[in-house]
Amino acid sequence: MVEPIWSNQSGRTNLNQRFAGSVQHSDFAQSIIGLNMNDTTHQGDVTPARAQEIAGHLRDEILLGQYRQGERLPSERDLAARFQVNRGAVREAIKILTQLGIVNVQPGGVRIQAIHDASLDVLGPLLDLGDQGPENLTSDLISVFGALLALSARLALQTADTTQKQRLLNILNESTADGDPKVLNNAAEREKLAQFANALTDINNNLVLRLIGNGLRTQMVGRLERRHPASPSNEEFFRAMALTIERSDANALAKTIIQRFDDIKRNIDAAATSAPTQSNRNPDHA
C-alpha cells in the first residue's frame, strides 16, 4: 500500500469510515449473525448489490492511488475477512473491477492496471472523486465532448436535407427562459443541447459517434452539474449555431461549437486556479 497520488491521507480514512458504516447496517451483515464472520469458505448468499458495494470501495482506493500499477490486491481470503463476506462475493467484485479495466486477473493474483488502460466507465467514478481526482479531468472532458459534438455537427450539416435542417433550427430556437428572457435556466439549456446532439447523430447516422457520445453523457450526467452548478447562458451560442445552419455552412457550425467549448474550458480552468488547494482547505494537512 502506498500514499494516494491524488489526495492526502484523508482519502483513505473517508473510505474506511464509509465502509465501516455500511457493514454495520447492511442487510447482508444482519443475515449472517451467528455465523463465523471469518469463514471465507462459505459460498452462499452472494448478492449483486453486495459485490457492487465491495467493488466500489476497492475501485475508489485504486483510483485514489492507494495501490501502485502492477501491485497485487490482497488475496481473496484477506479481502473476504476485511469486508466480512464470503469469497464468492469478493470474486464477483473482482469481476466488476476487471470490466472497468483497472485490474487484471493473473495466475499470481489480481494486479492493478494503469488508469489510462481503463474503460470509459471509470470516468464517472473519477469525476466523483472531485478535487482528489486527476487534475484537469473536467476541462479535458469538456474539450473532448466539444470536439466530438463539432465533428457530429459538421457531418450532419453536410448531408442534411431541408426537413432535417428545420428540425435542428426548431430545437435551437426554442426558448429556455422561465417567462423572462433574461432568466437563465441551466437545466433547460442542457436539455436543449442534448436534443440537438441527438438530432445530429440521427442525421449523420454515424453509429460510432453515437455510442461514444452516449458513453460520455452517461458518465457526465449529474456529475458536472454538482462540480460546476452555474454556467453562463448558452442562448447566444444557440443563435450563432442557428445562423450557420441557415447558411448551410458546416465548417462554420463546427468552429462555433469548438469556440464555445473552449470558452467553457477556460472558465473551468480559471475557476480551478483561483480555488483554494486541498492543503489550504485542510489546516491540519502537513
C-alpha atoms as a PDB file:
ATOM      1  CA  MET A   1       0.000   0.000   0.000  1.00  0.00           C
ATOM      2  CA  VAL A   2       1.243   3.493  -0.832  1.00  0.00           C
ATOM      3  CA  GLU A   3       0.129   7.060  -0.218  1.00  0.00           C
ATOM      4  CA  PRO A   4      -2.613   8.216  -2.624  1.00  0.00           C
ATOM      5  CA  ILE A   5      -1.091  10.052  -5.534  1.00  0.00           C
ATOM      6  CA  TRP A   6      -4.101  12.376  -5.999  1.00  0.00           C
ATOM      7  CA  SER A   7      -5.011  13.073  -2.393  1.00  0.00           C
ATOM      8  CA  ASN A   8      -3.767  13.223   1.150  1.00  0.00           C
ATOM      9  CA  GLN A   9      -4.247  10.541   3.775  1.00  0.00           C
ATOM     10  CA  SER A  10      -7.792  11.750   4.452  1.00  0.00           C
ATOM     11  CA  GLY A  11      -8.973   9.968   1.302  1.00  0.00           C
ATOM     12  CA  ARG A  12      -8.241   6.566   2.829  1.00  0.00           C
ATOM     13  CA  THR A  13      -9.866   7.499   6.138  1.00  0.00           C
ATOM     14  CA  ASN A  14     -13.083   8.554   4.422  1.00  0.00           C
ATOM     15  CA  LEU A  15     -13.259   5.277   2.511  1.00  0.00           C
ATOM     16  CA  ASN A  16     -12.748   3.211   5.647  1.00  0.00           C
ATOM     17  CA  GLN A  17     -15.352   5.217   7.552  1.00  0.00           C
ATOM     18  CA  ARG A  18     -17.850   4.812   4.720  1.00  0.00           C
ATOM     19  CA  PHE A  19     -17.380   1.062   4.641  1.00  0.00           C
ATOM     20  CA  ALA A  20     -17.464   0.682   8.401  1.00  0.00           C
ATOM     21  CA  GLY A  21     -20.916   2.251   8.471  1.00  0.00           C
ATOM     22  CA  SER A  22     -22.196   0.189   5.583  1.00  0.00           C
ATOM     23  CA  VAL A  23     -21.039  -3.094   7.150  1.00  0.00           C
ATOM     24  CA  GLN A  24     -22.678  -2.287  10.448  1.00  0.00           C
ATOM     25  CA  HIS A  25     -26.059  -1.565   8.901  1.00  0.00           C
ATOM     26  CA  SER A  26     -26.125  -3.825   5.842  1.00  0.00           C
ATOM     27  CA  ASP A  27     -28.832  -6.433   5.387  1.00  0.00           C
ATOM     28  CA  PHE A  28     -26.119  -8.898   4.476  1.00  0.00           C
ATOM     29  CA  ALA A  29     -24.318  -8.451   7.802  1.00  0.00           C
ATOM     30  CA  GLN A  30     -27.598  -8.945   9.658  1.00  0.00           C
ATOM     31  CA  SER A  31     -28.331 -12.113   7.687  1.00  0.00           C
ATOM     32  CA  ILE A  32     -25.158 -13.879   8.810  1.00  0.00           C
ATOM     33  CA  ILE A  33     -25.341 -13.135  12.547  1.00  0.00           C
ATOM     34  CA  GLY A  34     -24.423 -16.323  14.341  1.00  0.00           C
ATOM     35  CA  LEU A  35     -22.012 -17.479  11.618  1.00  0.00           C
ATOM     36  CA  ASN A  36     -18.251 -17.265  11.826  1.00  0.00           C
ATOM     37  CA  MET A  37     -17.537 -13.856  10.245  1.00  0.00           C
ATOM     38  CA  ASN A  38     -14.028 -15.004   9.297  1.00  0.00           C
ATOM     39  CA  ASP A  39     -15.285 -18.071   7.444  1.00  0.00           C
ATOM     40  CA  THR A  40     -14.154 -17.319   3.885  1.00  0.00           C
ATOM     41  CA  THR A  41     -15.026 -20.753   2.523  1.00  0.00           C
ATOM     42  CA  HIS A  42     -18.799 -20.293   2.605  1.00  0.00           C
ATOM     43  CA  GLN A  43     -20.022 -19.604  -0.943  1.00  0.00           C
ATOM     44  CA  GLY A  44     -23.707 -18.796  -0.457  1.00  0.00           C
ATOM     45  CA  ASP A  45     -25.652 -15.536  -0.239  1.00  0.00           C
ATOM     46  CA  VAL A  46     -23.687 -13.665  -2.906  1.00  0.00           C
ATOM     47  CA  THR A  47     -25.852 -10.675  -3.851  1.00  0.00           C
ATOM     48  CA  PRO A  48     -25.107  -8.353  -6.782  1.00  0.00           C
ATOM     49  CA  ALA A  49     -25.619  -5.303  -4.575  1.00  0.00           C
ATOM     50  CA  ARG A  50     -23.059  -6.561  -2.056  1.00  0.00           C
ATOM     51  CA  ALA A  51     -20.495  -7.284  -4.766  1.00  0.00           C
ATOM     52  CA  GLN A  52     -21.108  -3.827  -6.255  1.00  0.00           C
ATOM     53  CA  GLU A  53     -20.558  -2.243  -2.859  1.00  0.00           C
ATOM     54  CA  ILE A  54     -17.255  -4.039  -2.330  1.00  0.00           C
ATOM     55  CA  ALA A  55     -16.146  -3.238  -5.878  1.00  0.00           C
ATOM     56  CA  GLY A  56     -16.968   0.414  -5.279  1.00  0.00           C
ATOM     57  CA  HIS A  57     -14.740   0.616  -2.214  1.00  0.00           C
ATOM     58  CA  LEU A  58     -11.850  -1.141  -3.944  1.00  0.00           C
ATOM     59  CA  ARG A  59     -12.345   0.938  -7.095  1.00  0.00           C
ATOM     60  CA  ASP A  60     -12.108   4.198  -5.147  1.00  0.00           C
ATOM     61  CA  GLU A  61      -8.985   3.031  -3.338  1.00  0.00           C
ATOM     62  CA  ILE A  62      -7.384   2.148  -6.675  1.00  0.00           C
ATOM     63  CA  LEU A  63      -8.394   5.455  -8.285  1.00  0.00           C
ATOM     64  CA  LEU A  64      -7.057   7.358  -5.282  1.00  0.00           C
ATOM     65  CA  GLY A  65      -3.680   5.775  -5.932  1.00  0.00           C
ATOM     66  CA  GLN A  66      -3.542   3.599  -2.834  1.00  0.00           C
ATOM     67  CA  TYR A  67      -2.113   0.778  -4.959  1.00  0.00           C
ATOM     68  CA  ARG A  68       0.711   1.100  -7.473  1.00  0.00           C
ATOM     69  CA  GLN A  69       0.407  -0.060 -11.051  1.00  0.00           C
ATOM     70  CA  GLY A  70       1.388  -3.726 -11.137  1.00  0.00           C
ATOM     71  CA  GLU A  71       0.886  -4.181  -7.398  1.00  0.00           C
ATOM     72  CA  ARG A  72      -1.276  -7.100  -6.247  1.00  0.00           C
ATOM     73  CA  LEU A  73      -4.557  -6.636  -4.480  1.00  0.00           C
ATOM     74  CA  PRO A  74      -4.848  -8.517  -1.173  1.00  0.00           C
ATOM     75  CA  SER A  75      -5.835 -12.157  -1.545  1.00  0.00           C
ATOM     76  CA  GLU A  76      -9.440 -13.301  -1.766  1.00  0.00           C
ATOM     77  CA  ARG A  77      -9.184 -14.620   1.774  1.00  0.00           C
ATOM     78  CA  ASP A  78      -7.862 -11.305   3.127  1.00  0.00           C
ATOM     79  CA  LEU A  79     -10.480  -9.267   1.283  1.00  0.00           C
ATOM     80  CA  ALA A  80     -13.242 -11.570   2.473  1.00  0.00           C
ATOM     81  CA  ALA A  81     -12.051 -11.133   6.051  1.00  0.00           C
ATOM     82  CA  ARG A  82     -11.785  -7.362   5.654  1.00  0.00           C
ATOM     83  CA  PHE A  83     -15.279  -6.925   4.217  1.00  0.00           C
ATOM     84  CA  GLN A  84     -16.784  -9.736   6.331  1.00  0.00           C
ATOM     85  CA  VAL A  85     -18.181 -11.613   3.330  1.00  0.00           C
ATOM     86  CA  ASN A  86     -17.602 -14.935   1.629  1.00  0.00           C
ATOM     87  CA  ARG A  87     -15.041 -15.367  -1.128  1.00  0.00           C
ATOM     88  CA  GLY A  88     -17.750 -15.650  -3.761  1.00  0.00           C
ATOM     89  CA  ALA A  89     -18.746 -12.022  -3.118  1.00  0.00           C
ATOM     90  CA  VAL A  90     -15.103 -10.981  -3.470  1.00  0.00           C
ATOM     91  CA  ARG A  91     -14.805 -12.830  -6.787  1.00  0.00           C
ATOM     92  CA  GLU A  92     -17.882 -11.020  -8.121  1.00  0.00           C
ATOM     93  CA  ALA A  93     -16.400  -7.692  -7.037  1.00  0.00           C
ATOM     94  CA  ILE A  94     -13.128  -8.516  -8.817  1.00  0.00           C
ATOM     95  CA  LYS A  95     -15.103  -9.265 -11.995  1.00  0.00           C
ATOM     96  CA  ILE A  96     -16.582  -5.767 -11.830  1.00  0.00           C
ATOM     97  CA  LEU A  97     -13.138  -4.209 -11.405  1.00  0.00           C
ATOM     98  CA  THR A  98     -11.868  -6.271 -14.337  1.00  0.00           C
ATOM     99  CA  GLN A  99     -14.685  -4.970 -16.545  1.00  0.00           C
ATOM    100  CA  LEU A 100     -13.669  -1.423 -15.593  1.00  0.00           C
ATOM    101  CA  GLY A 101     -10.162  -2.260 -16.790  1.00  0.00           C
ATOM    102  CA  ILE A 102      -8.442  -1.227 -13.564  1.00  0.00           C
ATOM    103  CA  VAL A 103      -7.323  -4.720 -12.519  1.00  0.00           C
ATOM    104  CA  ASN A 104      -6.112  -7.787 -14.370  1.00  0.00           C
ATOM    105  CA  VAL A 105      -6.521 -11.319 -13.018  1.00  0.00           C
ATOM    106  CA  GLN A 106      -3.264 -13.227 -13.422  1.00  0.00           C
ATOM    107  CA  PRO A 107      -2.029 -16.601 -12.145  1.00  0.00           C
ATOM    108  CA  GLY A 108      -0.073 -14.817  -9.403  1.00  0.00           C
ATOM    109  CA  GLY A 109      -3.030 -12.768  -8.222  1.00  0.00           C
ATOM    110  CA  VAL A 110      -5.058  -9.687  -9.144  1.00  0.00           C
ATOM    111  CA  ARG A 111      -2.776  -6.920 -10.433  1.00  0.00           C
ATOM    112  CA  ILE A 112      -3.522  -3.205 -10.648  1.00  0.00           C
ATOM    113  CA  GLN A 113      -3.752  -1.783 -14.159  1.00  0.00           C
ATOM    114  CA  ALA A 114      -2.771   1.742 -15.163  1.00  0.00           C
ATOM    115  CA  ILE A 115      -5.727   4.122 -15.137  1.00  0.00           C
ATOM    116  CA  HIS A 116      -5.052   5.124 -18.742  1.00  0.00           C
ATOM    117  CA  ASP A 117      -5.741   1.498 -19.733  1.00  0.00           C
ATOM    118  CA  ALA A 118      -9.188   1.524 -18.091  1.00  0.00           C
ATOM    119  CA  SER A 119     -12.547   1.612 -19.871  1.00  0.00           C
ATOM    120  CA  LEU A 120     -14.695   4.698 -20.326  1.00  0.00           C
ATOM    121  CA  ASP A 121     -16.886   3.526 -17.430  1.00  0.00           C
ATOM    122  CA  VAL A 122     -14.231   4.644 -14.967  1.00  0.00           C
ATOM    123  CA  LEU A 123     -14.693   8.292 -15.967  1.00  0.00           C
ATOM    124  CA  GLY A 124     -17.771   8.815 -13.781  1.00  0.00           C
ATOM    125  CA  PRO A 125     -16.136   7.474 -10.599  1.00  0.00           C
ATOM    126  CA  LEU A 126     -13.083   9.637 -11.329  1.00  0.00           C
ATOM    127  CA  LEU A 127     -15.332  12.696 -11.543  1.00  0.00           C
ATOM    128  CA  ASP A 128     -16.942  11.676  -8.246  1.00  0.00           C
ATOM    129  CA  LEU A 129     -13.547  11.973  -6.554  1.00  0.00           C
ATOM    130  CA  GLY A 130     -13.722  15.740  -7.039  1.00  0.00           C
ATOM    131  CA  ASP A 131     -10.533  17.528  -6.046  1.00  0.00           C
ATOM    132  CA  GLN A 132      -8.964  14.203  -5.083  1.00  0.00           C
ATOM    133  CA  GLY A 133      -9.167  13.006  -8.686  1.00  0.00           C
ATOM    134  CA  PRO A 134      -6.818  13.686 -11.600  1.00  0.00           C
ATOM    135  CA  GLU A 135      -6.006  17.303 -12.286  1.00  0.00           C
ATOM    136  CA  ASN A 136      -7.737  18.906 -15.306  1.00  0.00           C
ATOM    137  CA  LEU A 137     -10.133  15.969 -15.687  1.00  0.00           C
ATOM    138  CA  THR A 138     -13.209  18.147 -16.125  1.00  0.00           C
ATOM    139  CA  SER A 139     -11.637  20.526 -18.627  1.00  0.00           C
ATOM    140  CA  ASP A 140     -10.243  17.581 -20.616  1.00  0.00           C
ATOM    141  CA  LEU A 141     -13.716  16.053 -20.702  1.00  0.00           C
ATOM    142  CA  ILE A 142     -15.221  19.324 -21.926  1.00  0.00           C
ATOM    143  CA  SER A 143     -12.620  19.554 -24.711  1.00  0.00           C
ATOM    144  CA  VAL A 144     -13.263  16.005 -25.917  1.00  0.00           C
ATOM    145  CA  PHE A 145     -17.036  16.362 -25.793  1.00  0.00           C
ATOM    146  CA  GLY A 146     -16.854  19.644 -27.703  1.00  0.00           C
ATOM    147  CA  ALA A 147     -14.640  18.127 -30.390  1.00  0.00           C
ATOM    148  CA  LEU A 148     -16.996  15.170 -30.832  1.00  0.00           C
ATOM    149  CA  LEU A 149     -20.044  17.440 -30.995  1.00  0.00           C
ATOM    150  CA  ALA A 150     -18.314  19.637 -33.597  1.00  0.00           C
ATOM    151  CA  LEU A 151     -17.472  16.599 -35.734  1.00  0.00           C
ATOM    152  CA  SER A 152     -21.006  15.275 -35.459  1.00  0.00           C
ATOM    153  CA  ALA A 153     -22.434  18.689 -36.414  1.00  0.00           C
ATOM    154  CA  ARG A 154     -20.184  19.068 -39.457  1.00  0.00           C
ATOM    155  CA  LEU A 155     -21.049  15.584 -40.755  1.00  0.00           C
ATOM    156  CA  ALA A 156     -24.759  16.151 -40.166  1.00  0.00           C
ATOM    157  CA  LEU A 157     -24.980  19.537 -41.858  1.00  0.00           C
ATOM    158  CA  GLN A 158     -23.034  18.315 -44.871  1.00  0.00           C
ATOM    159  CA  THR A 159     -25.774  15.763 -45.615  1.00  0.00           C
ATOM    160  CA  ALA A 160     -28.893  17.310 -44.045  1.00  0.00           C
ATOM    161  CA  ASP A 161     -31.934  17.976 -46.220  1.00  0.00           C
ATOM    162  CA  THR A 162     -34.334  20.875 -45.724  1.00  0.00           C
ATOM    163  CA  THR A 163     -36.547  18.996 -43.259  1.00  0.00           C
ATOM    164  CA  GLN A 164     -33.577  17.911 -41.172  1.00  0.00           C
ATOM    165  CA  LYS A 165     -32.151  21.429 -41.064  1.00  0.00           C
ATOM    166  CA  GLN A 166     -35.512  22.740 -39.920  1.00  0.00           C
ATOM    167  CA  ARG A 167     -35.564  20.162 -37.128  1.00  0.00           C
ATOM    168  CA  LEU A 168     -32.204  21.464 -35.899  1.00  0.00           C
ATOM    169  CA  LEU A 169     -33.399  25.072 -36.109  1.00  0.00           C
ATOM    170  CA  ASN A 170     -36.588  24.282 -34.205  1.00  0.00           C
ATOM    171  CA  ILE A 171     -34.541  22.844 -31.355  1.00  0.00           C
ATOM    172  CA  LEU A 172     -32.141  25.792 -31.236  1.00  0.00           C
ATOM    173  CA  ASN A 173     -34.857  28.446 -31.483  1.00  0.00           C
ATOM    174  CA  GLU A 174     -36.977  27.049 -28.648  1.00  0.00           C
ATOM    175  CA  SER A 175     -36.902  29.354 -25.637  1.00  0.00           C
ATOM    176  CA  THR A 176     -35.279  28.114 -22.416  1.00  0.00           C
ATOM    177  CA  ALA A 177     -36.226  31.135 -20.291  1.00  0.00           C
ATOM    178  CA  ASP A 178     -38.733  30.874 -17.426  1.00  0.00           C
ATOM    179  CA  GLY A 179     -41.092  33.549 -18.680  1.00  0.00           C
ATOM    180  CA  ASP A 180     -38.465  36.292 -18.505  1.00  0.00           C
ATOM    181  CA  PRO A 181     -35.956  36.005 -21.395  1.00  0.00           C
ATOM    182  CA  LYS A 182     -33.242  37.261 -19.029  1.00  0.00           C
ATOM    183  CA  VAL A 183     -33.776  34.410 -16.550  1.00  0.00           C
ATOM    184  CA  LEU A 184     -31.232  31.655 -17.052  1.00  0.00           C
ATOM    185  CA  ASN A 185     -32.481  28.060 -16.941  1.00  0.00           C
ATOM    186  CA  ASN A 186     -29.395  25.827 -16.982  1.00  0.00           C
ATOM    187  CA  ALA A 187     -31.437  22.611 -16.869  1.00  0.00           C
ATOM    188  CA  ALA A 188     -33.489  23.605 -19.920  1.00  0.00           C
ATOM    189  CA  GLU A 189     -30.354  24.629 -21.806  1.00  0.00           C
ATOM    190  CA  ARG A 190     -28.679  21.311 -21.046  1.00  0.00           C
ATOM    191  CA  GLU A 191     -31.778  19.505 -22.292  1.00  0.00           C
ATOM    192  CA  LYS A 192     -31.783  21.595 -25.463  1.00  0.00           C
ATOM    193  CA  LEU A 193     -28.128  20.792 -26.116  1.00  0.00           C
ATOM    194  CA  ALA A 194     -28.821  17.078 -25.549  1.00  0.00           C
ATOM    195  CA  GLN A 195     -31.732  17.171 -28.021  1.00  0.00           C
ATOM    196  CA  PHE A 196     -29.530  18.967 -30.545  1.00  0.00           C
ATOM    197  CA  ALA A 197     -26.751  16.381 -30.150  1.00  0.00           C
ATOM    198  CA  ASN A 198     -29.229  13.517 -30.590  1.00  0.00           C
ATOM    199  CA  ALA A 199     -30.688  15.145 -33.703  1.00  0.00           C
ATOM    200  CA  LEU A 200     -27.192  15.485 -35.182  1.00  0.00           C
ATOM    201  CA  THR A 201     -26.457  11.777 -34.780  1.00  0.00           C
ATOM    202  CA  ASP A 202     -29.876  10.928 -36.209  1.00  0.00           C
ATOM    203  CA  ILE A 203     -28.924  12.916 -39.307  1.00  0.00           C
ATOM    204  CA  ASN A 204     -25.291  11.850 -39.776  1.00  0.00           C
ATOM    205  CA  ASN A 205     -26.193   8.234 -38.878  1.00  0.00           C
ATOM    206  CA  ASN A 206     -22.706   7.619 -37.501  1.00  0.00           C
ATOM    207  CA  LEU A 207     -23.027   4.736 -35.037  1.00  0.00           C
ATOM    208  CA  VAL A 208     -19.531   5.169 -33.590  1.00  0.00           C
ATOM    209  CA  LEU A 209     -20.151   8.827 -32.758  1.00  0.00           C
ATOM    210  CA  ARG A 210     -23.490   7.929 -31.198  1.00  0.00           C
ATOM    211  CA  LEU A 211     -22.021   5.208 -28.984  1.00  0.00           C
ATOM    212  CA  ILE A 212     -19.096   7.348 -27.848  1.00  0.00           C
ATOM    213  CA  GLY A 213     -21.428  10.252 -27.168  1.00  0.00           C
ATOM    214  CA  ASN A 214     -23.802   8.010 -25.225  1.00  0.00           C
ATOM    215  CA  GLY A 215     -20.921   6.745 -23.106  1.00  0.00           C
ATOM    216  CA  LEU A 216     -19.670  10.237 -22.308  1.00  0.00           C
ATOM    217  CA  ARG A 217     -23.118  11.585 -21.493  1.00  0.00           C
ATOM    218  CA  THR A 218     -23.825   8.624 -19.217  1.00  0.00           C
ATOM    219  CA  GLN A 219     -20.689   9.403 -17.229  1.00  0.00           C
ATOM    220  CA  MET A 220     -21.313  13.169 -17.223  1.00  0.00           C
ATOM    221  CA  VAL A 221     -24.999  13.314 -16.248  1.00  0.00           C
ATOM    222  CA  GLY A 222     -25.397  14.998 -12.874  1.00  0.00           C
ATOM    223  CA  ARG A 223     -21.689  14.983 -12.147  1.00  0.00           C
ATOM    224  CA  LEU A 224     -20.599  18.151 -13.937  1.00  0.00           C
ATOM    225  CA  GLU A 225     -23.611  19.975 -12.511  1.00  0.00           C
ATOM    226  CA  ARG A 226     -22.515  19.090  -8.981  1.00  0.00           C
ATOM    227  CA  ARG A 227     -18.965  20.281  -9.617  1.00  0.00           C
ATOM    228  CA  HIS A 228     -19.939  23.361 -11.668  1.00  0.00           C
ATOM    229  CA  PRO A 229     -23.588  24.146 -10.802  1.00  0.00           C
ATOM    230  CA  ALA A 230     -23.723  27.547 -12.511  1.00  0.00           C
ATOM    231  CA  SER A 231     -22.637  28.434 -16.021  1.00  0.00           C
ATOM    232  CA  PRO A 232     -23.132  31.360 -18.421  1.00  0.00           C
ATOM    233  CA  SER A 233     -26.176  31.255 -20.679  1.00  0.00           C
ATOM    234  CA  ASN A 234     -25.859  29.382 -23.965  1.00  0.00           C
ATOM    235  CA  GLU A 235     -28.570  31.387 -25.762  1.00  0.00           C
ATOM    236  CA  GLU A 236     -26.044  33.403 -27.767  1.00  0.00           C
ATOM    237  CA  PHE A 237     -24.296  30.141 -28.634  1.00  0.00           C
ATOM    238  CA  PHE A 238     -27.579  28.629 -29.837  1.00  0.00           C
ATOM    239  CA  ARG A 239     -28.298  31.678 -32.006  1.00  0.00           C
ATOM    240  CA  ALA A 240     -24.817  31.519 -33.537  1.00  0.00           C
ATOM    241  CA  MET A 241     -25.293  27.855 -34.416  1.00  0.00           C
ATOM    242  CA  ALA A 242     -28.696  28.574 -35.927  1.00  0.00           C
ATOM    243  CA  LEU A 243     -27.181  31.201 -38.243  1.00  0.00           C
ATOM    244  CA  THR A 244     -24.584  28.747 -39.564  1.00  0.00           C
ATOM    245  CA  ILE A 245     -27.308  26.136 -40.179  1.00  0.00           C
ATOM    246  CA  GLU A 246     -29.406  28.675 -42.090  1.00  0.00           C
ATOM    247  CA  ARG A 247     -26.338  29.332 -44.284  1.00  0.00           C
ATOM    248  CA  SER A 248     -25.654  25.573 -44.591  1.00  0.00           C
ATOM    249  CA  ASP A 249     -22.067  26.278 -43.511  1.00  0.00           C
ATOM    250  CA  ALA A 250     -20.906  23.017 -41.907  1.00  0.00           C
ATOM    251  CA  ASN A 251     -17.371  24.237 -41.191  1.00  0.00           C
ATOM    252  CA  ALA A 252     -18.631  27.409 -39.513  1.00  0.00           C
ATOM    253  CA  LEU A 253     -21.005  25.346 -37.374  1.00  0.00           C
ATOM    254  CA  ALA A 254     -18.151  23.110 -36.200  1.00  0.00           C
ATOM    255  CA  LYS A 255     -15.960  26.158 -35.495  1.00  0.00           C
ATOM    256  CA  THR A 256     -18.728  27.802 -33.461  1.00  0.00           C
ATOM    257  CA  ILE A 257     -19.068  24.694 -31.297  1.00  0.00           C
ATOM    258  CA  ILE A 258     -15.313  24.385 -30.750  1.00  0.00           C
ATOM    259  CA  GLN A 259     -15.053  28.049 -29.747  1.00  0.00           C
ATOM    260  CA  ARG A 260     -17.900  27.710 -27.245  1.00  0.00           C
ATOM    261  CA  PHE A 261     -16.461  24.635 -25.564  1.00  0.00           C
ATOM    262  CA  ASP A 262     -13.014  26.260 -25.498  1.00  0.00           C
ATOM    263  CA  ASP A 263     -14.609  29.173 -23.615  1.00  0.00           C
ATOM    264  CA  ILE A 264     -16.211  26.770 -21.139  1.00  0.00           C
ATOM    265  CA  LYS A 265     -12.871  25.012 -20.647  1.00  0.00           C
ATOM    266  CA  ARG A 266     -11.088  28.312 -19.973  1.00  0.00           C
ATOM    267  CA  ASN A 267     -13.731  29.288 -17.411  1.00  0.00           C
ATOM    268  CA  ILE A 268     -13.361  25.956 -15.632  1.00  0.00           C
ATOM    269  CA  ASP A 269      -9.563  26.196 -15.652  1.00  0.00           C
ATOM    270  CA  ALA A 270      -9.724  29.748 -14.308  1.00  0.00           C
ATOM    271  CA  ALA A 271     -12.082  28.694 -11.517  1.00  0.00           C
ATOM    272  CA  ALA A 272      -9.805  25.785 -10.620  1.00  0.00           C
ATOM    273  CA  THR A 273      -6.775  28.082 -10.497  1.00  0.00           C
ATOM    274  CA  SER A 274      -8.491  30.572  -8.204  1.00  0.00           C
ATOM    275  CA  ALA A 275      -9.974  27.891  -5.923  1.00  0.00           C
ATOM    276  CA  PRO A 276      -8.108  27.036  -2.688  1.00  0.00           C
ATOM    277  CA  THR A 277      -5.859  23.996  -2.837  1.00  0.00           C
ATOM    278  CA  GLN A 278      -6.522  20.835  -0.829  1.00  0.00           C
ATOM    279  CA  SER A 279      -3.856  21.815   1.698  1.00  0.00           C
ATOM    280  CA  ASN A 280      -5.358  25.319   2.069  1.00  0.00           C
ATOM    281  CA  ARG A 281      -8.798  23.853   2.696  1.00  0.00           C
ATOM    282  CA  ASN A 282      -7.444  21.478   5.326  1.00  0.00           C
ATOM    283  CA  PRO A 283      -5.444  23.372   8.005  1.00  0.00           C
ATOM    284  CA  ASP A 284      -4.294  20.086   9.515  1.00  0.00           C
ATOM    285  CA  HIS A 285      -2.692  18.961   6.260  1.00  0.00           C
ATOM    286  CA  ALA A 286       1.051  18.697   6.689  1.00  0.00           C
END
